[in-house]
Amino acid sequence: MTLKIASLLLGAAVSLTALQAHAADKVTLQLKWVTQAQFAGYYVAKEKGFYKEEGLDVDIKPGGPDIAPPQVLAGGGADVIVDWMPSALATREKGVPLVNIAQPFKKSGMMLTCLKETGITKPADFKGKTLGVWFFGNEYPFLSWMNTLKIKTDGSAEGVKVLKQGFNVDPLLQKQAACISTMTYNEYWQVIDAGIKPDQLVTFKYEDEGVATLEDGLYVLEDKLKDPAFKEKMVKFVRASMKGWKYAEKNPDEAAGIVLDNDASGAQTEKHQKRMMGEVAKLTAGSNGALDEADYKRTVKTLLGGGSDPVITKEPTGAYTLDITKAALK
């Protein structure tokens, strides 16, 4: 009798576990780049069980140089993606209806890092120089800035020559470019680690130059938001993700360790990830996940201000919703 009861109880427990596993809502998140502390909040939310507490089974897919998150989303390969707003709004205007549902990053980490020996001390000095620029959607903030400065990007003497920069800092190290694109939390430190001292560099942060555009927001396809079940799933996802981000801000070293544990490539180092997490925390600080409409308007204004070649040609409509974060923050 005892064995029979034990067997029944075990069977019930197994059935319950199976039911719980089946009940977990699956969410696939496509990152903008490779596994690194730039995305720590999501890895922390998974590792600490924040997604599980919301009944979610989240698959985090790393990005890379050959992966365009909007294309992955449009092709059904993800439910939600991390993207920069310039790329997302340009993509939306081209016909892929991306909608921002949350904005974990409050500030921009993008900047141009220049060799002091080139004589560049202010943006006007860019004229006649070669500047390294990332493409695949990352060029939009740069092009907007140059348009604001009224500097052509055609390689003329009064303009700048644009060097299509790979996702490395080689053009600066090899002096192929006077300045290159860097992030405060990543490539800038690669330059330093390569042996160039900070006092040999001049940096121009987009944030300081008044041309910062929003980075690392969460985007979904507009049609999906018509489904109440999908919306509820995103509310849970955003709530757990922001819990992960705030935990990462307060526990940067632990967060960096979690990122390293999830780096299947083995390319990341503890020193670099701890430093990156410290810098990323400065960008997520002050955000509760809700998009600040003033930040959105500033981004749109910057992108529209492109003279004859703006990043977007008209004011977007329906490009963001506050519904998800309003429900998540209750």
Protein backbone atom coordinates (compact mmCIF):
# COMPACT_ATOMS: atom_id res chain seq x y z
CA MET A 1 0.00 0.00 0.00
CA THR A 2 2.79 2.41 0.95
CA LEU A 3 4.66 1.65 -2.29
CA LYS A 4 1.49 2.22 -4.29
CA ILE A 5 0.87 5.61 -2.61
CA ALA A 6 4.51 6.59 -3.12
CA SER A 7 4.27 5.59 -6.75
CA LEU A 8 1.10 7.63 -7.21
CA LEU A 9 2.65 10.65 -5.51
CA LEU A 10 5.76 10.38 -7.67
CA GLY A 11 3.59 10.09 -10.77
CA ALA A 12 1.61 13.16 -9.73
CA ALA A 13 4.81 15.12 -9.12
CA VAL A 14 6.20 14.14 -12.52
CA SER A 15 2.90 15.09 -14.18
CA LEU A 16 2.88 18.46 -12.39
CA THR A 17 6.46 19.16 -13.44
CA ALA A 18 5.63 18.25 -17.02
CA LEU A 19 2.55 20.46 -16.89
CA GLN A 20 4.56 23.40 -15.52
CA ALA A 21 7.20 22.95 -18.21
CA HIS A 22 4.49 22.80 -20.85
CA ALA A 23 2.74 25.83 -19.37
CA ALA A 24 5.83 28.06 -19.61
CA ASP A 25 5.40 30.57 -22.43
CA LYS A 26 8.30 30.45 -24.85
CA VAL A 27 9.95 33.74 -25.82
CA THR A 28 12.85 34.07 -28.25
CA LEU A 29 14.98 37.20 -27.85
CA GLN A 30 17.39 38.14 -30.65
CA LEU A 31 20.31 40.26 -29.45
CA LYS A 32 21.93 42.98 -31.55
CA TRP A 33 25.45 41.64 -31.02
CA VAL A 34 27.44 38.80 -29.48
CA THR A 35 27.10 37.67 -25.88
CA GLN A 36 28.56 40.43 -23.72
CA ALA A 37 27.66 42.69 -20.78
CA GLN A 38 25.79 45.02 -23.15
CA PHE A 39 22.97 42.48 -22.72
CA ALA A 40 23.63 41.50 -19.12
CA GLY A 41 20.10 42.25 -17.90
CA TYR A 42 18.59 39.49 -20.03
CA TYR A 43 21.16 36.87 -19.03
CA VAL A 44 20.76 37.86 -15.37
CA ALA A 45 16.96 37.61 -15.62
CA LYS A 46 17.31 34.09 -16.99
CA GLU A 47 20.03 32.95 -14.57
CA LYS A 48 18.32 34.37 -11.45
CA GLY A 49 14.97 32.82 -12.38
CA PHE A 50 13.14 36.12 -13.01
CA TYR A 51 11.75 34.85 -16.31
CA LYS A 52 10.77 31.55 -14.74
CA GLU A 53 8.90 33.40 -11.98
CA GLU A 54 6.81 35.02 -14.73
CA GLY A 55 6.10 31.64 -16.33
CA LEU A 56 8.43 32.27 -19.25
CA ASP A 57 10.94 30.05 -21.00
CA VAL A 58 13.28 32.53 -22.68
CA ASP A 59 15.77 31.62 -25.40
CA ILE A 60 18.44 34.32 -25.84
CA LYS A 61 20.02 34.26 -29.31
CA PRO A 62 23.37 36.08 -29.68
CA GLY A 63 23.86 38.34 -32.68
CA GLY A 64 26.90 38.91 -34.82
CA PRO A 65 28.21 40.71 -37.91
CA ASP A 66 26.01 38.65 -40.24
CA ILE A 67 22.82 38.92 -38.20
CA ALA A 68 20.31 41.76 -38.68
CA PRO A 69 17.77 41.54 -35.83
CA PRO A 70 14.91 43.19 -37.80
CA GLN A 71 15.30 40.56 -40.52
CA VAL A 72 15.27 37.79 -37.92
CA LEU A 73 12.09 39.26 -36.43
CA ALA A 74 10.39 39.72 -39.81
CA GLY A 75 11.29 36.15 -40.74
CA GLY A 76 9.70 34.72 -37.57
CA GLY A 77 13.00 33.76 -35.96
CA ALA A 78 12.36 35.82 -32.81
CA ASP A 79 9.47 37.28 -30.81
CA VAL A 80 11.38 40.35 -29.66
CA ILE A 81 14.71 41.95 -30.61
CA VAL A 82 17.23 44.41 -29.24
CA ASP A 83 17.89 47.21 -31.71
CA TRP A 84 18.93 50.85 -31.87
CA MET A 85 16.11 53.30 -32.57
CA PRO A 86 17.71 54.85 -35.72
CA SER A 87 17.89 51.39 -37.29
CA ALA A 88 14.39 50.48 -36.07
CA LEU A 89 12.76 53.68 -37.38
CA ALA A 90 14.56 53.42 -40.73
CA THR A 91 13.48 49.78 -40.97
CA ARG A 92 9.90 50.76 -40.12
CA GLU A 93 9.85 53.38 -42.87
CA LYS A 94 11.06 50.72 -45.31
CA GLY A 95 8.06 48.54 -44.53
CA VAL A 96 8.96 46.30 -41.57
CA PRO A 97 6.62 47.61 -38.81
CA LEU A 98 8.87 47.52 -35.74
CA VAL A 99 7.39 48.89 -32.51
CA ASN A 100 9.39 49.87 -29.42
CA ILE A 101 7.81 48.25 -26.34
CA ALA A 102 10.51 49.15 -23.78
CA GLN A 103 13.70 51.20 -23.48
CA PRO A 104 16.18 49.78 -20.94
CA PHE A 105 19.01 52.08 -22.14
CA LYS A 106 18.49 55.71 -21.11
CA LYS A 107 21.71 57.11 -22.58
CA SER A 108 23.83 56.56 -25.67
CA GLY A 109 27.26 54.96 -25.40
CA MET A 110 28.33 55.85 -28.93
CA MET A 111 31.28 58.11 -29.70
CA LEU A 112 34.03 58.88 -32.18
CA THR A 113 37.50 58.20 -30.84
CA CYS A 114 40.31 60.11 -32.59
CA LEU A 115 44.10 60.13 -32.45
CA LYS A 116 45.21 63.43 -30.93
CA GLU A 117 48.18 63.53 -33.34
CA THR A 118 45.77 64.16 -36.24
CA GLY A 119 45.11 67.65 -34.84
CA ILE A 120 41.42 67.05 -34.28
CA THR A 121 40.21 69.00 -31.26
CA LYS A 122 36.63 69.83 -32.27
CA PRO A 123 34.01 68.45 -34.70
CA ALA A 124 34.83 71.11 -37.33
CA ASP A 125 38.28 69.51 -37.59
CA PHE A 126 36.73 66.33 -39.08
CA LYS A 127 36.77 68.01 -42.52
CA GLY A 128 39.22 66.37 -44.88
CA LYS A 129 39.74 63.42 -42.55
CA THR A 130 38.92 59.71 -42.85
CA LEU A 131 36.42 58.51 -40.26
CA GLY A 132 35.65 54.89 -39.46
CA VAL A 133 31.92 54.13 -39.40
CA TRP A 134 29.97 50.96 -38.66
CA PHE A 135 27.24 50.06 -41.12
CA PHE A 136 24.36 47.53 -41.04
CA GLY A 137 22.08 50.15 -39.46
CA ASN A 138 24.71 51.54 -37.11
CA GLU A 139 25.69 54.30 -39.56
CA TYR A 140 22.48 56.29 -39.05
CA PRO A 141 23.51 58.23 -35.92
CA PHE A 142 26.81 59.18 -37.61
CA LEU A 143 25.13 60.35 -40.82
CA SER A 144 22.64 62.40 -38.80
CA TRP A 145 25.49 64.04 -36.89
CA MET A 146 27.40 64.92 -40.05
CA ASN A 147 24.24 66.43 -41.52
CA THR A 148 23.79 68.48 -38.35
CA LEU A 149 27.37 69.73 -38.75
CA LYS A 150 26.73 70.34 -42.48
CA ILE A 151 29.73 68.16 -43.31
CA LYS A 152 29.37 66.08 -46.47
CA THR A 153 30.32 62.40 -46.37
CA ASP A 154 31.46 62.30 -50.02
CA GLY A 155 35.20 62.29 -49.43
CA SER A 156 35.63 65.87 -50.64
CA ALA A 157 38.19 68.25 -49.11
CA GLU A 158 35.45 70.05 -47.20
CA GLY A 159 33.77 66.78 -46.33
CA VAL A 160 34.89 63.53 -44.74
CA LYS A 161 35.86 60.22 -46.22
CA VAL A 162 33.85 57.39 -44.68
CA LEU A 163 35.74 54.17 -44.08
CA LYS A 164 33.45 51.18 -43.66
CA GLN A 165 34.71 50.02 -40.31
CA GLY A 166 34.67 46.38 -39.37
CA PHE A 167 33.66 45.51 -35.83
CA ASN A 168 37.18 46.13 -34.55
CA VAL A 169 39.54 49.04 -33.87
CA ASP A 170 42.21 48.20 -36.47
CA PRO A 171 41.70 51.33 -38.64
CA LEU A 172 42.81 53.54 -35.73
CA LEU A 173 45.66 51.30 -34.64
CA GLN A 174 46.93 51.09 -38.23
CA LYS A 175 46.28 54.82 -38.79
CA GLN A 176 43.97 54.18 -41.73
CA ALA A 177 41.47 56.57 -40.11
CA ALA A 178 41.81 59.67 -37.94
CA CYS A 179 38.79 58.62 -35.89
CA ILE A 180 36.76 55.45 -35.49
CA SER A 181 33.37 54.56 -34.07
CA THR A 182 33.55 53.20 -30.54
CA MET A 183 31.20 52.47 -27.68
CA THR A 184 32.04 53.76 -24.20
CA TYR A 185 31.74 50.22 -22.88
CA ASN A 186 33.58 48.27 -25.56
CA GLU A 187 35.79 49.43 -28.45
CA TYR A 188 37.24 52.44 -26.62
CA TRP A 189 38.76 50.03 -24.12
CA GLN A 190 40.05 47.82 -26.92
CA VAL A 191 42.05 50.84 -28.12
CA ILE A 192 43.40 51.38 -24.59
CA ASP A 193 44.23 47.68 -24.22
CA ALA A 194 46.14 47.86 -27.52
CA GLY A 195 48.60 50.23 -25.82
CA ILE A 196 47.32 53.70 -26.74
CA LYS A 197 47.09 55.96 -23.71
CA PRO A 198 43.95 58.01 -22.97
CA ASP A 199 45.90 61.27 -23.31
CA GLN A 200 46.78 60.28 -26.88
CA LEU A 201 43.09 60.25 -27.77
CA VAL A 202 40.29 62.76 -28.24
CA THR A 203 36.73 61.48 -27.83
CA PHE A 204 33.41 62.94 -28.97
CA LYS A 205 30.38 61.41 -27.25
CA TYR A 206 27.16 61.68 -29.23
CA GLU A 207 25.42 62.35 -25.91
CA ASP A 208 27.63 65.41 -25.27
CA GLU A 209 27.30 66.67 -28.85
CA GLY A 210 23.51 66.84 -28.59
CA VAL A 211 22.96 64.26 -31.33
CA ALA A 212 22.46 61.17 -29.18
CA THR A 213 19.84 58.72 -30.40
CA LEU A 214 18.31 55.92 -28.38
CA GLU A 215 20.09 52.58 -28.32
CA ASP A 216 19.24 49.04 -27.19
CA GLY A 217 15.46 49.17 -27.03
CA LEU A 218 13.12 46.18 -27.24
CA TYR A 219 11.11 45.86 -30.46
CA VAL A 220 8.34 43.59 -31.73
CA LEU A 221 6.25 43.46 -34.89
CA GLU A 222 3.18 45.69 -34.82
CA ASP A 223 0.70 42.98 -35.85
CA LYS A 224 1.73 40.80 -32.91
CA LEU A 225 0.49 43.46 -30.47
CA LYS A 226 -3.08 42.84 -31.67
CA ASP A 227 -2.93 39.50 -29.86
CA PRO A 228 -3.78 39.95 -26.13
CA ALA A 229 -1.89 36.75 -25.23
CA PHE A 230 1.27 38.04 -26.94
CA LYS A 231 0.93 41.41 -25.22
CA GLU A 232 0.61 39.72 -21.83
CA LYS A 233 3.69 37.62 -22.60
CA MET A 234 5.65 40.78 -23.43
CA VAL A 235 4.47 42.46 -20.20
CA LYS A 236 5.93 39.53 -18.26
CA PHE A 237 9.09 39.56 -20.37
CA VAL A 238 9.70 43.30 -19.90
CA ARG A 239 8.98 43.13 -16.15
CA ALA A 240 11.45 40.27 -15.64
CA SER A 241 14.04 41.84 -17.97
CA MET A 242 14.01 45.14 -16.09
CA LYS A 243 14.36 43.23 -12.83
CA GLY A 244 17.43 41.64 -14.41
CA TRP A 245 18.81 45.02 -15.47
CA LYS A 246 18.39 46.61 -12.06
CA TYR A 247 20.02 43.58 -10.42
CA ALA A 248 22.92 43.86 -12.88
CA GLU A 249 23.37 47.57 -12.08
CA LYS A 250 23.63 46.80 -8.36
CA ASN A 251 25.75 43.66 -8.77
CA PRO A 252 28.00 44.40 -11.77
CA ASP A 253 30.69 41.82 -11.05
CA GLU A 254 28.16 39.03 -10.55
CA ALA A 255 26.36 40.12 -13.72
CA ALA A 256 29.63 40.03 -15.67
CA GLY A 257 30.22 36.51 -14.36
CA ILE A 258 26.79 35.41 -15.56
CA VAL A 259 27.53 36.83 -19.00
CA LEU A 260 30.84 34.93 -19.12
CA ASP A 261 29.04 31.72 -18.16
CA ASN A 262 26.76 32.21 -21.17
CA ASP A 263 29.52 33.04 -23.66
CA ALA A 264 29.69 29.88 -25.76
CA SER A 265 32.43 31.40 -27.92
CA GLY A 266 34.85 31.71 -25.01
CA ALA A 267 36.07 34.97 -26.57
CA GLN A 268 35.23 37.27 -23.66
CA THR A 269 37.52 37.93 -20.70
CA GLU A 270 36.60 38.64 -17.09
CA LYS A 271 38.49 41.95 -17.08
CA HIS A 272 36.74 43.24 -20.20
CA GLN A 273 33.25 42.11 -19.14
CA LYS A 274 33.53 43.62 -15.64
CA ARG A 275 34.66 46.91 -17.13
CA MET A 276 31.91 46.76 -19.75
CA MET A 277 29.24 46.08 -17.15
CA GLY A 278 30.41 49.10 -15.16
CA GLU A 279 30.05 51.33 -18.23
CA VAL A 280 26.74 49.81 -19.37
CA ALA A 281 25.27 50.40 -15.90
CA LYS A 282 25.80 54.14 -16.48
CA LEU A 283 23.61 53.92 -19.61
CA THR A 284 20.75 51.90 -18.08
CA ALA A 285 20.72 53.96 -14.86
CA GLY A 286 17.63 56.13 -14.67
CA SER A 287 15.49 53.89 -16.86
CA ASN A 288 12.63 51.84 -15.44
CA GLY A 289 12.07 50.36 -18.88
CA ALA A 290 9.49 52.89 -20.07
CA LEU A 291 10.37 54.93 -23.14
CA ASP A 292 10.80 58.61 -22.30
CA GLU A 293 8.80 60.45 -24.95
CA ALA A 294 11.19 63.43 -24.79
CA ASP A 295 14.09 61.08 -25.64
CA TYR A 296 12.02 59.62 -28.47
CA LYS A 297 11.24 63.07 -29.91
CA ARG A 298 14.91 64.08 -29.70
CA THR A 299 15.90 60.93 -31.59
CA VAL A 300 13.29 61.54 -34.29
CA LYS A 301 14.32 65.18 -34.65
CA THR A 302 17.97 64.16 -35.06
CA LEU A 303 17.09 61.55 -37.68
CA LEU A 304 14.84 63.92 -39.63
CA GLY A 305 17.48 66.66 -39.60
CA GLY A 306 19.45 65.18 -42.44
CA GLY A 307 19.05 67.87 -45.09
CA SER A 308 18.76 66.23 -48.52
CA ASP A 309 19.58 62.78 -47.15
CA PRO A 310 17.78 62.23 -43.82
CA VAL A 311 17.71 58.84 -42.11
CA ILE A 312 13.90 58.98 -42.08
CA THR A 313 11.85 61.23 -44.34
CA LYS A 314 8.73 61.72 -42.22
CA GLU A 315 7.55 61.73 -38.62
CA PRO A 316 6.85 58.10 -37.66
CA THR A 317 3.44 57.08 -36.37
CA GLY A 318 2.81 54.06 -34.15
CA ALA A 319 6.53 53.42 -33.74
CA TYR A 320 6.26 52.87 -29.98
CA THR A 321 3.76 51.87 -27.34
CA LEU A 322 3.78 52.56 -23.61
CA ASP A 323 1.10 49.93 -22.95
CA ILE A 324 3.56 47.13 -22.20
CA THR A 325 5.67 49.06 -19.68
CA LYS A 326 2.60 50.62 -18.04
CA ALA A 327 1.29 47.12 -17.31
CA ALA A 328 4.73 45.78 -16.38
CA LEU A 329 5.41 48.58 -13.90
CA LYS A 330 2.11 48.27 -12.00
